[in-house]
Amino acid sequence: MDISLHNPASDQGKLVAFPLTETAQPDRSQLDNIKAQLDLVLLALEALVGIGSEAVLQAAADLNLQDVVSDRVSLWRLRQSNPLRRGTGGRKKLDIEEARSLVMISCHLAHQHQSLIREAVELLESVAETEQPFHQVALLGDYLDNFTNTYQDRMTEDTLSVDALTDLALKLLIDLLFYSNNQGPRRLWMALLDRANHIER
């Protein structure tokens, strides 16, 4: 796996919100793909820094997004919109404003934990150069175990192999570093659109 990283700017200011009118907007089929990707970004954050629903709700409050994510039930319903998740109870369609809100919340949380994310990515690069198994390194091993176990617990039976989950987890870890910077929300939004377009093709 190529984990080479073009280091993003390590600015420490506030996240830059992105007006939907100034960015490309997804159609319904793209939103169906985006909701799965957003849930995986939050899953990666959970696996690395141990955030729970309270941290997500606090981030929503910090960003004045309580109308979209008001409580545990509303958060659960938004994340349950991911078609990869087990069960159908509470699943709903994700609209553009909800998707935008989850992008802002994800990047806000990544920004709060930027130092740990950077430490993990730098460790990932260092370990890759030595060809040492990632699972044998404490921080990376814990992250990979948490990600794999949570994914297998929450997602459908038609799941990825352990090797594929490892690759996915490491890619998301690198992505989190880019999303933790000031332009993170715009970067994540454009990445979500790009991936949705590729899936459609």
N, C-alpha and C. Protein backbone atom coordinates (compact mmCIF):
# COMPACT_ATOMS: atom_id res chain seq x y z
N MET A 1 0.84 -1.20 0.00
CA MET A 1 0.00 0.00 0.00
C MET A 1 0.87 1.25 0.00
N ASP A 2 0.58 2.17 -0.91
CA ASP A 2 1.34 3.43 -0.99
C ASP A 2 0.76 4.41 0.00
N ILE A 3 1.54 4.77 1.03
CA ILE A 3 1.01 5.71 2.04
C ILE A 3 1.78 7.03 2.00
N SER A 4 2.48 7.30 0.88
CA SER A 4 3.21 8.56 0.77
C SER A 4 2.23 9.72 0.92
N LEU A 5 2.68 10.76 1.60
CA LEU A 5 1.78 11.85 1.96
C LEU A 5 2.39 13.19 1.57
N HIS A 6 1.65 13.95 0.77
CA HIS A 6 2.01 15.34 0.53
C HIS A 6 1.42 16.12 1.68
N ASN A 7 2.27 16.59 2.57
CA ASN A 7 1.83 17.13 3.85
C ASN A 7 0.93 18.35 3.68
N PRO A 8 -0.30 18.33 4.22
CA PRO A 8 -1.17 19.49 4.14
C PRO A 8 -0.69 20.59 5.06
N ALA A 9 -1.14 21.79 4.80
CA ALA A 9 -0.76 22.92 5.66
C ALA A 9 -1.22 22.66 7.08
N SER A 10 -0.35 22.93 8.04
CA SER A 10 -0.68 22.63 9.44
C SER A 10 -1.16 23.89 10.16
N ASP A 11 -2.11 24.59 9.52
CA ASP A 11 -2.63 25.81 10.14
C ASP A 11 -3.48 25.45 11.34
N GLN A 12 -3.57 26.38 12.28
CA GLN A 12 -4.23 26.09 13.54
C GLN A 12 -5.46 26.96 13.78
N GLY A 13 -5.92 27.70 12.76
CA GLY A 13 -7.07 28.56 12.95
C GLY A 13 -8.37 27.79 12.90
N LYS A 14 -9.47 28.54 12.76
CA LYS A 14 -10.78 27.90 12.73
C LYS A 14 -11.04 27.27 11.38
N LEU A 15 -11.90 26.26 11.38
CA LEU A 15 -12.29 25.62 10.14
C LEU A 15 -13.05 26.62 9.27
N VAL A 16 -12.88 26.49 7.97
CA VAL A 16 -13.55 27.36 7.02
C VAL A 16 -14.80 26.65 6.51
N ALA A 17 -15.97 27.20 6.84
CA ALA A 17 -17.22 26.60 6.37
C ALA A 17 -17.33 26.81 4.86
N PHE A 18 -18.09 25.95 4.21
CA PHE A 18 -18.24 26.06 2.77
C PHE A 18 -19.70 26.26 2.42
N PRO A 19 -20.08 27.41 1.85
CA PRO A 19 -21.46 27.61 1.43
C PRO A 19 -21.81 26.62 0.31
N LEU A 20 -22.96 25.99 0.43
CA LEU A 20 -23.36 25.02 -0.59
C LEU A 20 -23.52 25.66 -1.96
N THR A 21 -23.85 26.96 -1.98
CA THR A 21 -24.04 27.64 -3.25
C THR A 21 -22.73 27.82 -4.00
N GLU A 22 -21.59 27.68 -3.29
CA GLU A 22 -20.30 27.90 -3.93
C GLU A 22 -19.56 26.60 -4.22
N THR A 23 -20.18 25.47 -3.94
CA THR A 23 -19.55 24.19 -4.21
C THR A 23 -20.51 23.32 -5.01
N ALA A 24 -19.93 22.33 -5.67
CA ALA A 24 -20.77 21.40 -6.42
C ALA A 24 -21.75 20.72 -5.48
N GLN A 25 -22.96 20.50 -5.96
CA GLN A 25 -23.98 19.87 -5.14
C GLN A 25 -24.32 18.49 -5.70
N PRO A 26 -24.44 17.50 -4.83
CA PRO A 26 -24.70 16.14 -5.30
C PRO A 26 -26.15 15.94 -5.69
N ASP A 27 -26.37 15.01 -6.61
CA ASP A 27 -27.73 14.61 -6.91
C ASP A 27 -28.12 13.46 -5.97
N ARG A 28 -29.32 12.94 -6.11
CA ARG A 28 -29.82 11.93 -5.19
C ARG A 28 -28.97 10.67 -5.20
N SER A 29 -28.55 10.21 -6.38
CA SER A 29 -27.74 8.99 -6.43
C SER A 29 -26.38 9.21 -5.77
N GLN A 30 -25.81 10.41 -5.91
CA GLN A 30 -24.54 10.70 -5.25
C GLN A 30 -24.71 10.75 -3.74
N LEU A 31 -25.81 11.30 -3.26
CA LEU A 31 -26.06 11.34 -1.82
C LEU A 31 -26.13 9.94 -1.23
N ASP A 32 -26.67 9.00 -1.98
CA ASP A 32 -26.75 7.63 -1.50
C ASP A 32 -25.36 7.04 -1.28
N ASN A 33 -24.37 7.47 -2.09
CA ASN A 33 -22.99 7.01 -1.90
C ASN A 33 -22.27 7.81 -0.82
N ILE A 34 -22.57 9.10 -0.73
CA ILE A 34 -21.91 9.98 0.22
C ILE A 34 -22.21 9.59 1.66
N LYS A 35 -23.44 9.16 1.95
CA LYS A 35 -23.80 8.85 3.33
C LYS A 35 -22.97 7.69 3.88
N ALA A 36 -22.62 6.73 3.02
CA ALA A 36 -21.76 5.63 3.47
C ALA A 36 -20.36 6.13 3.77
N GLN A 37 -19.83 7.01 2.92
CA GLN A 37 -18.48 7.52 3.12
C GLN A 37 -18.38 8.37 4.39
N LEU A 38 -19.38 9.17 4.67
CA LEU A 38 -19.37 10.01 5.87
C LEU A 38 -19.38 9.16 7.13
N ASP A 39 -20.15 8.09 7.12
CA ASP A 39 -20.20 7.21 8.29
C ASP A 39 -18.83 6.57 8.52
N LEU A 40 -18.11 6.23 7.45
CA LEU A 40 -16.79 5.63 7.59
C LEU A 40 -15.78 6.62 8.14
N VAL A 41 -15.89 7.89 7.76
CA VAL A 41 -14.99 8.91 8.31
C VAL A 41 -15.19 9.02 9.82
N LEU A 42 -16.44 9.04 10.25
CA LEU A 42 -16.72 9.10 11.69
C LEU A 42 -16.26 7.82 12.39
N LEU A 43 -16.40 6.68 11.71
CA LEU A 43 -15.94 5.43 12.29
C LEU A 43 -14.43 5.46 12.51
N ALA A 44 -13.69 6.01 11.55
CA ALA A 44 -12.23 6.12 11.70
C ALA A 44 -11.87 7.00 12.88
N LEU A 45 -12.60 8.10 13.06
CA LEU A 45 -12.36 8.96 14.22
C LEU A 45 -12.65 8.23 15.52
N GLU A 46 -13.73 7.48 15.55
CA GLU A 46 -14.05 6.69 16.73
C GLU A 46 -12.92 5.73 17.06
N ALA A 47 -12.43 5.04 16.02
CA ALA A 47 -11.41 4.02 16.22
C ALA A 47 -10.09 4.61 16.71
N LEU A 48 -9.75 5.81 16.26
CA LEU A 48 -8.47 6.41 16.62
C LEU A 48 -8.51 7.14 17.95
N VAL A 49 -9.52 7.99 18.15
CA VAL A 49 -9.53 8.87 19.33
C VAL A 49 -10.60 8.51 20.35
N GLY A 50 -11.44 7.52 20.02
CA GLY A 50 -12.42 7.06 20.99
C GLY A 50 -13.60 7.97 21.20
N ILE A 51 -13.94 8.79 20.21
CA ILE A 51 -15.10 9.65 20.36
C ILE A 51 -16.38 8.82 20.39
N GLY A 52 -17.39 9.33 21.10
CA GLY A 52 -18.69 8.71 21.14
C GLY A 52 -19.76 9.69 20.71
N SER A 53 -21.01 9.32 20.92
CA SER A 53 -22.11 10.17 20.48
C SER A 53 -22.10 11.52 21.18
N GLU A 54 -21.66 11.55 22.46
CA GLU A 54 -21.65 12.83 23.18
C GLU A 54 -20.70 13.82 22.53
N ALA A 55 -19.54 13.33 22.06
CA ALA A 55 -18.58 14.22 21.40
C ALA A 55 -19.15 14.75 20.09
N VAL A 56 -19.88 13.90 19.37
CA VAL A 56 -20.49 14.34 18.11
C VAL A 56 -21.57 15.38 18.38
N LEU A 57 -22.38 15.14 19.40
CA LEU A 57 -23.43 16.11 19.74
C LEU A 57 -22.84 17.43 20.22
N GLN A 58 -21.72 17.37 20.96
CA GLN A 58 -21.07 18.60 21.39
C GLN A 58 -20.51 19.36 20.21
N ALA A 59 -19.96 18.63 19.24
CA ALA A 59 -19.46 19.28 18.02
C ALA A 59 -20.60 19.97 17.27
N ALA A 60 -21.76 19.32 17.22
CA ALA A 60 -22.92 19.93 16.57
C ALA A 60 -23.32 21.21 17.29
N ALA A 61 -23.26 21.19 18.62
CA ALA A 61 -23.59 22.39 19.39
C ALA A 61 -22.56 23.49 19.14
N ASP A 62 -21.28 23.12 19.11
CA ASP A 62 -20.22 24.10 18.85
C ASP A 62 -20.42 24.81 17.51
N LEU A 63 -20.97 24.07 16.54
CA LEU A 63 -21.13 24.59 15.18
C LEU A 63 -22.54 25.11 14.91
N ASN A 64 -23.36 25.17 15.97
CA ASN A 64 -24.75 25.63 15.84
C ASN A 64 -25.54 24.78 14.84
N LEU A 65 -25.34 23.47 14.93
CA LEU A 65 -26.02 22.54 14.04
C LEU A 65 -27.01 21.65 14.81
N GLN A 66 -27.48 22.14 15.95
CA GLN A 66 -28.40 21.34 16.77
C GLN A 66 -29.71 21.04 16.05
N ASP A 67 -30.10 21.90 15.10
CA ASP A 67 -31.35 21.64 14.38
C ASP A 67 -31.24 20.39 13.52
N VAL A 68 -30.02 20.05 13.11
CA VAL A 68 -29.81 18.87 12.27
C VAL A 68 -29.48 17.65 13.12
N VAL A 69 -28.60 17.86 14.11
CA VAL A 69 -28.19 16.76 15.00
C VAL A 69 -28.52 17.21 16.41
N SER A 70 -29.73 16.90 16.85
CA SER A 70 -30.23 17.45 18.12
C SER A 70 -30.02 16.51 19.30
N ASP A 71 -29.99 15.21 19.05
CA ASP A 71 -29.87 14.25 20.15
C ASP A 71 -29.34 12.93 19.62
N ARG A 72 -29.22 11.95 20.51
CA ARG A 72 -28.67 10.64 20.13
C ARG A 72 -29.52 9.95 19.07
N VAL A 73 -30.84 10.11 19.17
CA VAL A 73 -31.72 9.45 18.21
C VAL A 73 -31.52 10.02 16.81
N SER A 74 -31.47 11.35 16.70
CA SER A 74 -31.29 11.96 15.39
C SER A 74 -29.92 11.60 14.80
N LEU A 75 -28.89 11.53 15.66
CA LEU A 75 -27.57 11.13 15.20
C LEU A 75 -27.59 9.69 14.72
N TRP A 76 -28.22 8.81 15.49
CA TRP A 76 -28.30 7.41 15.10
C TRP A 76 -29.01 7.26 13.76
N ARG A 77 -30.09 7.99 13.56
CA ARG A 77 -30.84 7.89 12.30
C ARG A 77 -30.01 8.38 11.13
N LEU A 78 -29.23 9.44 11.33
CA LEU A 78 -28.37 9.93 10.26
C LEU A 78 -27.32 8.90 9.88
N ARG A 79 -26.68 8.32 10.89
CA ARG A 79 -25.63 7.34 10.60
C ARG A 79 -26.23 6.03 10.09
N GLN A 80 -27.43 5.73 10.50
CA GLN A 80 -28.09 4.51 10.03
C GLN A 80 -28.50 4.64 8.57
N SER A 81 -28.45 5.84 8.01
CA SER A 81 -28.76 6.02 6.59
C SER A 81 -27.68 5.39 5.71
N ASN A 82 -26.53 5.04 6.30
CA ASN A 82 -25.49 4.33 5.58
C ASN A 82 -26.03 2.97 5.14
N PRO A 83 -26.10 2.71 3.83
CA PRO A 83 -26.68 1.44 3.35
C PRO A 83 -25.83 0.22 3.69
N LEU A 84 -24.59 0.44 4.13
CA LEU A 84 -23.74 -0.69 4.49
C LEU A 84 -24.06 -1.23 5.88
N ARG A 85 -24.83 -0.47 6.67
CA ARG A 85 -25.07 -0.86 8.06
C ARG A 85 -26.09 -1.99 8.17
N ARG A 86 -25.95 -2.76 9.25
CA ARG A 86 -26.91 -3.82 9.53
C ARG A 86 -28.28 -3.23 9.86
N GLY A 87 -29.33 -3.96 9.52
CA GLY A 87 -30.68 -3.57 9.91
C GLY A 87 -31.22 -2.44 9.07
N THR A 88 -32.52 -2.24 9.17
CA THR A 88 -33.18 -1.19 8.40
C THR A 88 -33.95 -0.22 9.29
N GLY A 89 -34.09 -0.52 10.57
CA GLY A 89 -34.87 0.33 11.45
C GLY A 89 -34.30 1.72 11.57
N GLY A 90 -35.13 2.74 11.33
CA GLY A 90 -34.68 4.11 11.49
C GLY A 90 -33.94 4.67 10.31
N ARG A 91 -33.71 3.85 9.27
CA ARG A 91 -32.96 4.37 8.13
C ARG A 91 -33.76 5.44 7.41
N LYS A 92 -33.08 6.46 6.94
CA LYS A 92 -33.73 7.56 6.26
C LYS A 92 -32.86 8.05 5.11
N LYS A 93 -33.45 8.81 4.24
CA LYS A 93 -32.68 9.46 3.19
C LYS A 93 -31.88 10.61 3.80
N LEU A 94 -30.69 10.82 3.28
CA LEU A 94 -29.84 11.91 3.75
C LEU A 94 -29.97 13.07 2.77
N ASP A 95 -30.34 14.26 3.27
CA ASP A 95 -30.44 15.39 2.35
C ASP A 95 -29.13 16.18 2.35
N ILE A 96 -29.05 17.16 1.48
CA ILE A 96 -27.80 17.88 1.28
C ILE A 96 -27.37 18.62 2.55
N GLU A 97 -28.30 19.27 3.24
CA GLU A 97 -27.94 20.02 4.44
C GLU A 97 -27.47 19.09 5.54
N GLU A 98 -28.06 17.90 5.64
CA GLU A 98 -27.60 16.92 6.63
C GLU A 98 -26.20 16.43 6.29
N ALA A 99 -25.96 16.19 5.01
CA ALA A 99 -24.62 15.76 4.59
C ALA A 99 -23.59 16.84 4.89
N ARG A 100 -23.92 18.09 4.58
CA ARG A 100 -23.02 19.20 4.86
C ARG A 100 -22.73 19.31 6.36
N SER A 101 -23.76 19.12 7.17
CA SER A 101 -23.59 19.21 8.62
C SER A 101 -22.66 18.12 9.13
N LEU A 102 -22.81 16.90 8.62
CA LEU A 102 -21.93 15.81 9.04
C LEU A 102 -20.49 16.06 8.59
N VAL A 103 -20.33 16.70 7.44
CA VAL A 103 -18.98 17.07 6.99
C VAL A 103 -18.36 18.05 7.98
N MET A 104 -19.10 19.09 8.36
CA MET A 104 -18.58 20.09 9.29
C MET A 104 -18.26 19.47 10.64
N ILE A 105 -19.14 18.58 11.13
CA ILE A 105 -18.92 17.93 12.42
C ILE A 105 -17.69 17.04 12.37
N SER A 106 -17.55 16.26 11.31
CA SER A 106 -16.40 15.36 11.17
C SER A 106 -15.09 16.13 11.17
N CYS A 107 -15.05 17.22 10.42
CA CYS A 107 -13.82 18.00 10.32
C CYS A 107 -13.54 18.75 11.62
N HIS A 108 -14.58 19.19 12.30
CA HIS A 108 -14.41 19.85 13.60
C HIS A 108 -13.76 18.88 14.60
N LEU A 109 -14.24 17.65 14.63
CA LEU A 109 -13.66 16.65 15.53
C LEU A 109 -12.23 16.30 15.13
N ALA A 110 -11.98 16.19 13.82
CA ALA A 110 -10.62 15.91 13.36
C ALA A 110 -9.69 17.05 13.73
N HIS A 111 -10.18 18.28 13.62
CA HIS A 111 -9.39 19.46 13.98
C HIS A 111 -9.02 19.44 15.47
N GLN A 112 -9.97 19.02 16.30
CA GLN A 112 -9.72 18.95 17.74
C GLN A 112 -8.64 17.93 18.07
N HIS A 113 -8.54 16.89 17.29
CA HIS A 113 -7.60 15.80 17.57
C HIS A 113 -6.48 15.75 16.52
N GLN A 114 -6.16 16.91 15.97
CA GLN A 114 -5.19 16.96 14.88
C GLN A 114 -3.82 16.43 15.30
N SER A 115 -3.38 16.72 16.52
CA SER A 115 -2.04 16.29 16.94
C SER A 115 -1.94 14.77 16.99
N LEU A 116 -2.97 14.10 17.47
CA LEU A 116 -2.95 12.64 17.52
C LEU A 116 -3.03 12.04 16.12
N ILE A 117 -3.86 12.64 15.27
CA ILE A 117 -3.95 12.17 13.88
C ILE A 117 -2.60 12.31 13.19
N ARG A 118 -1.94 13.46 13.38
CA ARG A 118 -0.64 13.68 12.77
C ARG A 118 0.39 12.68 13.30
N GLU A 119 0.36 12.43 14.60
CA GLU A 119 1.28 11.46 15.19
C GLU A 119 1.08 10.07 14.56
N ALA A 120 -0.17 9.69 14.38
CA ALA A 120 -0.47 8.37 13.81
C ALA A 120 -0.01 8.28 12.36
N VAL A 121 -0.22 9.34 11.58
CA VAL A 121 0.19 9.32 10.18
C VAL A 121 1.71 9.31 10.05
N GLU A 122 2.39 10.11 10.86
CA GLU A 122 3.86 10.11 10.83
C GLU A 122 4.40 8.74 11.23
N LEU A 123 3.77 8.10 12.20
CA LEU A 123 4.16 6.76 12.60
C LEU A 123 3.91 5.77 11.46
N LEU A 124 2.80 5.94 10.77
CA LEU A 124 2.48 5.09 9.63
C LEU A 124 3.55 5.17 8.55
N GLU A 125 3.97 6.38 8.23
CA GLU A 125 5.02 6.56 7.23
C GLU A 125 6.33 5.93 7.67
N SER A 126 6.67 6.11 8.94
CA SER A 126 7.91 5.56 9.48
C SER A 126 7.90 4.04 9.44
N VAL A 127 6.80 3.45 9.84
CA VAL A 127 6.70 1.99 9.87
C VAL A 127 6.71 1.42 8.45
N ALA A 128 6.10 2.12 7.52
CA ALA A 128 6.07 1.64 6.13
C ALA A 128 7.47 1.54 5.55
N GLU A 129 8.34 2.45 5.94
CA GLU A 129 9.72 2.43 5.44
C GLU A 129 10.49 1.21 5.94
N THR A 130 10.14 0.71 7.12
CA THR A 130 10.84 -0.45 7.70
C THR A 130 10.17 -1.77 7.33
N GLU A 131 8.99 -1.68 6.71
CA GLU A 131 8.21 -2.86 6.33
C GLU A 131 7.79 -3.69 7.54
N GLN A 132 7.75 -3.06 8.71
CA GLN A 132 7.25 -3.72 9.90
C GLN A 132 5.72 -3.79 9.82
N PRO A 133 5.10 -4.89 10.23
CA PRO A 133 3.64 -4.97 10.20
C PRO A 133 3.01 -3.86 11.03
N PHE A 134 2.02 -3.19 10.46
CA PHE A 134 1.39 -2.07 11.15
C PHE A 134 0.75 -2.51 12.46
N HIS A 135 0.22 -3.72 12.52
CA HIS A 135 -0.45 -4.19 13.72
C HIS A 135 0.48 -4.34 14.92
N GLN A 136 1.78 -4.40 14.65
CA GLN A 136 2.74 -4.60 15.74
C GLN A 136 3.14 -3.29 16.42
N VAL A 137 2.65 -2.18 15.93
CA VAL A 137 2.97 -0.87 16.50
C VAL A 137 1.76 -0.41 17.30
N ALA A 138 1.98 -0.06 18.56
CA ALA A 138 0.89 0.14 19.52
C ALA A 138 -0.24 1.04 19.01
N LEU A 139 0.05 2.27 18.65
CA LEU A 139 -0.99 3.21 18.26
C LEU A 139 -1.73 2.74 17.01
N LEU A 140 -0.97 2.30 16.01
CA LEU A 140 -1.58 1.83 14.77
C LEU A 140 -2.32 0.52 14.98
N GLY A 141 -1.75 -0.36 15.77
CA GLY A 141 -2.40 -1.64 16.03
C GLY A 141 -3.74 -1.46 16.73
N ASP A 142 -3.77 -0.58 17.73
CA ASP A 142 -5.03 -0.31 18.44
C ASP A 142 -6.07 0.28 17.49
N TYR A 143 -5.63 1.21 16.66
CA TYR A 143 -6.54 1.84 15.70
C TYR A 143 -7.10 0.81 14.72
N LEU A 144 -6.23 -0.02 14.16
CA LEU A 144 -6.69 -1.02 13.20
C LEU A 144 -7.62 -2.04 13.83
N ASP A 145 -7.30 -2.47 15.04
CA ASP A 145 -8.18 -3.42 15.74
C ASP A 145 -9.54 -2.79 16.01
N ASN A 146 -9.55 -1.55 16.51
CA ASN A 146 -10.81 -0.87 16.80
C ASN A 146 -11.64 -0.68 15.53
N PHE A 147 -10.98 -0.26 14.45
CA PHE A 147 -11.70 -0.03 13.20
C PHE A 147 -12.29 -1.33 12.66
N THR A 148 -11.47 -2.37 12.61
CA THR A 148 -11.92 -3.66 12.07
C THR A 148 -13.07 -4.23 12.89
N ASN A 149 -12.91 -4.22 14.21
CA ASN A 149 -13.95 -4.79 15.08
C ASN A 149 -15.26 -4.02 14.97
N THR A 150 -15.17 -2.68 14.93
CA THR A 150 -16.37 -1.86 14.85
C THR A 150 -17.05 -2.03 13.49
N TYR A 151 -16.26 -2.06 12.43
CA TYR A 151 -16.82 -2.25 11.08
C TYR A 151 -17.55 -3.58 11.00
N GLN A 152 -16.90 -4.64 11.45
CA GLN A 152 -17.51 -5.97 11.36
C GLN A 152 -18.75 -6.08 12.25
N ASP A 153 -18.77 -5.34 13.34
CA ASP A 153 -19.92 -5.37 14.25
C ASP A 153 -21.12 -4.63 13.68
N ARG A 154 -20.86 -3.53 12.96
CA ARG A 154 -21.96 -2.67 12.53
C ARG A 154 -22.43 -2.89 11.10
N MET A 155 -21.54 -3.36 10.25
CA MET A 155 -21.88 -3.43 8.84
C MET A 155 -22.49 -4.78 8.46
N THR A 156 -22.94 -4.88 7.23
CA THR A 156 -23.65 -6.06 6.76
C THR A 156 -22.74 -7.27 6.71
N GLU A 157 -23.37 -8.44 6.57
CA GLU A 157 -22.61 -9.68 6.52
C GLU A 157 -21.67 -9.72 5.32
N ASP A 158 -22.07 -9.10 4.24
CA ASP A 158 -21.24 -9.07 3.03
C ASP A 158 -20.13 -8.05 3.23
N THR A 159 -19.19 -8.39 4.09
CA THR A 159 -18.20 -7.42 4.54
C THR A 159 -16.87 -7.60 3.82
N LEU A 160 -15.94 -6.71 4.08
CA LEU A 160 -14.61 -6.77 3.47
C LEU A 160 -13.72 -7.74 4.22
N SER A 161 -12.68 -8.22 3.55
CA SER A 161 -11.68 -9.06 4.20
C SER A 161 -10.89 -8.23 5.19
N VAL A 162 -10.16 -8.88 6.09
CA VAL A 162 -9.35 -8.16 7.06
C VAL A 162 -8.30 -7.31 6.36
N ASP A 163 -7.67 -7.84 5.30
CA ASP A 163 -6.67 -7.06 4.56
C ASP A 163 -7.30 -5.83 3.91
N ALA A 164 -8.49 -6.01 3.34
CA ALA A 164 -9.17 -4.87 2.71
C ALA A 164 -9.58 -3.84 3.76
N LEU A 165 -10.01 -4.29 4.93
CA LEU A 165 -10.36 -3.37 6.00
C LEU A 165 -9.14 -2.61 6.50
N THR A 166 -7.99 -3.29 6.55
CA THR A 166 -6.75 -2.61 6.96
C THR A 166 -6.40 -1.51 5.98
N ASP A 167 -6.48 -1.81 4.68
CA ASP A 167 -6.20 -0.79 3.66
C ASP A 167 -7.16 0.38 3.77
N LEU A 168 -8.44 0.08 3.98
CA LEU A 168 -9.45 1.14 4.12
C LEU A 168 -9.16 1.99 5.34
N ALA A 169 -8.85 1.36 6.47
CA ALA A 169 -8.58 2.09 7.71
C ALA A 169 -7.37 3.00 7.56
N LEU A 170 -6.31 2.53 6.91
CA LEU A 170 -5.10 3.33 6.75
C LEU A 170 -5.35 4.50 5.80
N LYS A 171 -6.12 4.27 4.75
CA LYS A 171 -6.45 5.37 3.84
C LYS A 171 -7.26 6.44 4.55
N LEU A 172 -8.23 6.01 5.34
CA LEU A 172 -9.05 6.97 6.09
C LEU A 172 -8.21 7.74 7.10
N LEU A 173 -7.22 7.08 7.70
CA LEU A 173 -6.35 7.76 8.64
C LEU A 173 -5.59 8.90 7.97
N ILE A 174 -5.04 8.64 6.79
CA ILE A 174 -4.34 9.69 6.05
C ILE A 174 -5.32 10.81 5.66
N ASP A 175 -6.50 10.42 5.22
CA ASP A 175 -7.51 11.42 4.85
C ASP A 175 -7.85 12.33 6.03
N LEU A 176 -7.93 11.76 7.22
CA LEU A 176 -8.29 12.55 8.40
C LEU A 176 -7.32 13.71 8.62
N LEU A 177 -6.05 13.49 8.30
CA LEU A 177 -5.08 14.57 8.49
C LEU A 177 -5.41 15.76 7.60
N PHE A 178 -5.81 15.49 6.37
CA PHE A 178 -6.20 16.57 5.47
C PHE A 178 -7.49 17.23 5.93
N TYR A 179 -8.42 16.45 6.46
CA TYR A 179 -9.69 17.00 6.89
C TYR A 179 -9.57 17.77 8.20
N SER A 180 -8.45 17.61 8.91
CA SER A 180 -8.28 18.28 10.20
C SER A 180 -7.81 19.72 10.05
N ASN A 181 -7.45 20.14 8.86
CA ASN A 181 -6.95 21.49 8.64
C ASN A 181 -8.07 22.46 8.31
N ASN A 182 -7.72 23.72 8.18
CA ASN A 182 -8.73 24.77 8.01
C ASN A 182 -9.65 24.54 6.82
N GLN A 183 -9.09 24.05 5.72
CA GLN A 183 -9.89 23.82 4.52
C GLN A 183 -10.49 22.41 4.51
N GLY A 184 -10.44 21.73 5.65
CA GLY A 184 -10.93 20.36 5.73
C GLY A 184 -12.35 20.15 5.23
N PRO A 185 -13.32 20.98 5.65
CA PRO A 185 -14.69 20.75 5.19
C PRO A 185 -14.83 20.78 3.67
N ARG A 186 -14.19 21.73 3.02
CA ARG A 186 -14.27 21.78 1.56
C ARG A 186 -13.56 20.58 0.94
N ARG A 187 -12.40 20.21 1.51
CA ARG A 187 -11.68 19.05 0.99
C ARG A 187 -12.50 17.78 1.10
N LEU A 188 -13.14 17.59 2.26
CA LEU A 188 -13.94 16.39 2.46
C LEU A 188 -15.13 16.39 1.52
N TRP A 189 -15.80 17.53 1.39
CA TRP A 189 -16.97 17.60 0.52
C TRP A 189 -16.62 17.26 -0.93
N MET A 190 -15.52 17.83 -1.41
CA MET A 190 -15.12 17.56 -2.79
C MET A 190 -14.66 16.11 -2.95
N ALA A 191 -14.02 15.55 -1.94
CA ALA A 191 -13.60 14.14 -1.99
C ALA A 191 -14.83 13.23 -2.04
N LEU A 192 -15.84 13.57 -1.26
CA LEU A 192 -17.07 12.77 -1.27
C LEU A 192 -17.73 12.79 -2.63
N LEU A 193 -17.78 13.96 -3.26
CA LEU A 193 -18.37 14.06 -4.59
C LEU A 193 -17.57 13.28 -5.61
N ASP A 194 -16.24 13.38 -5.51
CA ASP A 194 -15.38 12.68 -6.46
C ASP A 194 -15.56 11.17 -6.34
N ARG A 195 -15.60 10.66 -5.10
CA ARG A 195 -15.77 9.22 -4.90
C ARG A 195 -17.14 8.76 -5.38
N ALA A 196 -18.16 9.59 -5.13
CA ALA A 196 -19.51 9.24 -5.59
C ALA A 196 -19.56 9.16 -7.11
N ASN A 197 -18.86 10.07 -7.77
CA ASN A 197 -18.82 10.05 -9.24
C ASN A 197 -18.14 8.79 -9.75
N HIS A 198 -17.05 8.39 -9.09
CA HIS A 198 -16.34 7.19 -9.51
C HIS A 198 -17.18 5.94 -9.30
N ILE A 199 -17.93 5.90 -8.20
CA ILE A 199 -18.79 4.75 -7.94
C ILE A 199 -19.89 4.67 -9.00
N GLU A 200 -20.43 5.83 -9.40
CA GLU A 200 -21.49 5.85 -10.40
C GLU A 200 -21.00 5.29 -11.73
N ARG A 201 -19.72 5.56 -12.06
CA ARG A 201 -19.17 5.05 -13.32
C ARG A 201 -18.92 3.56 -13.25
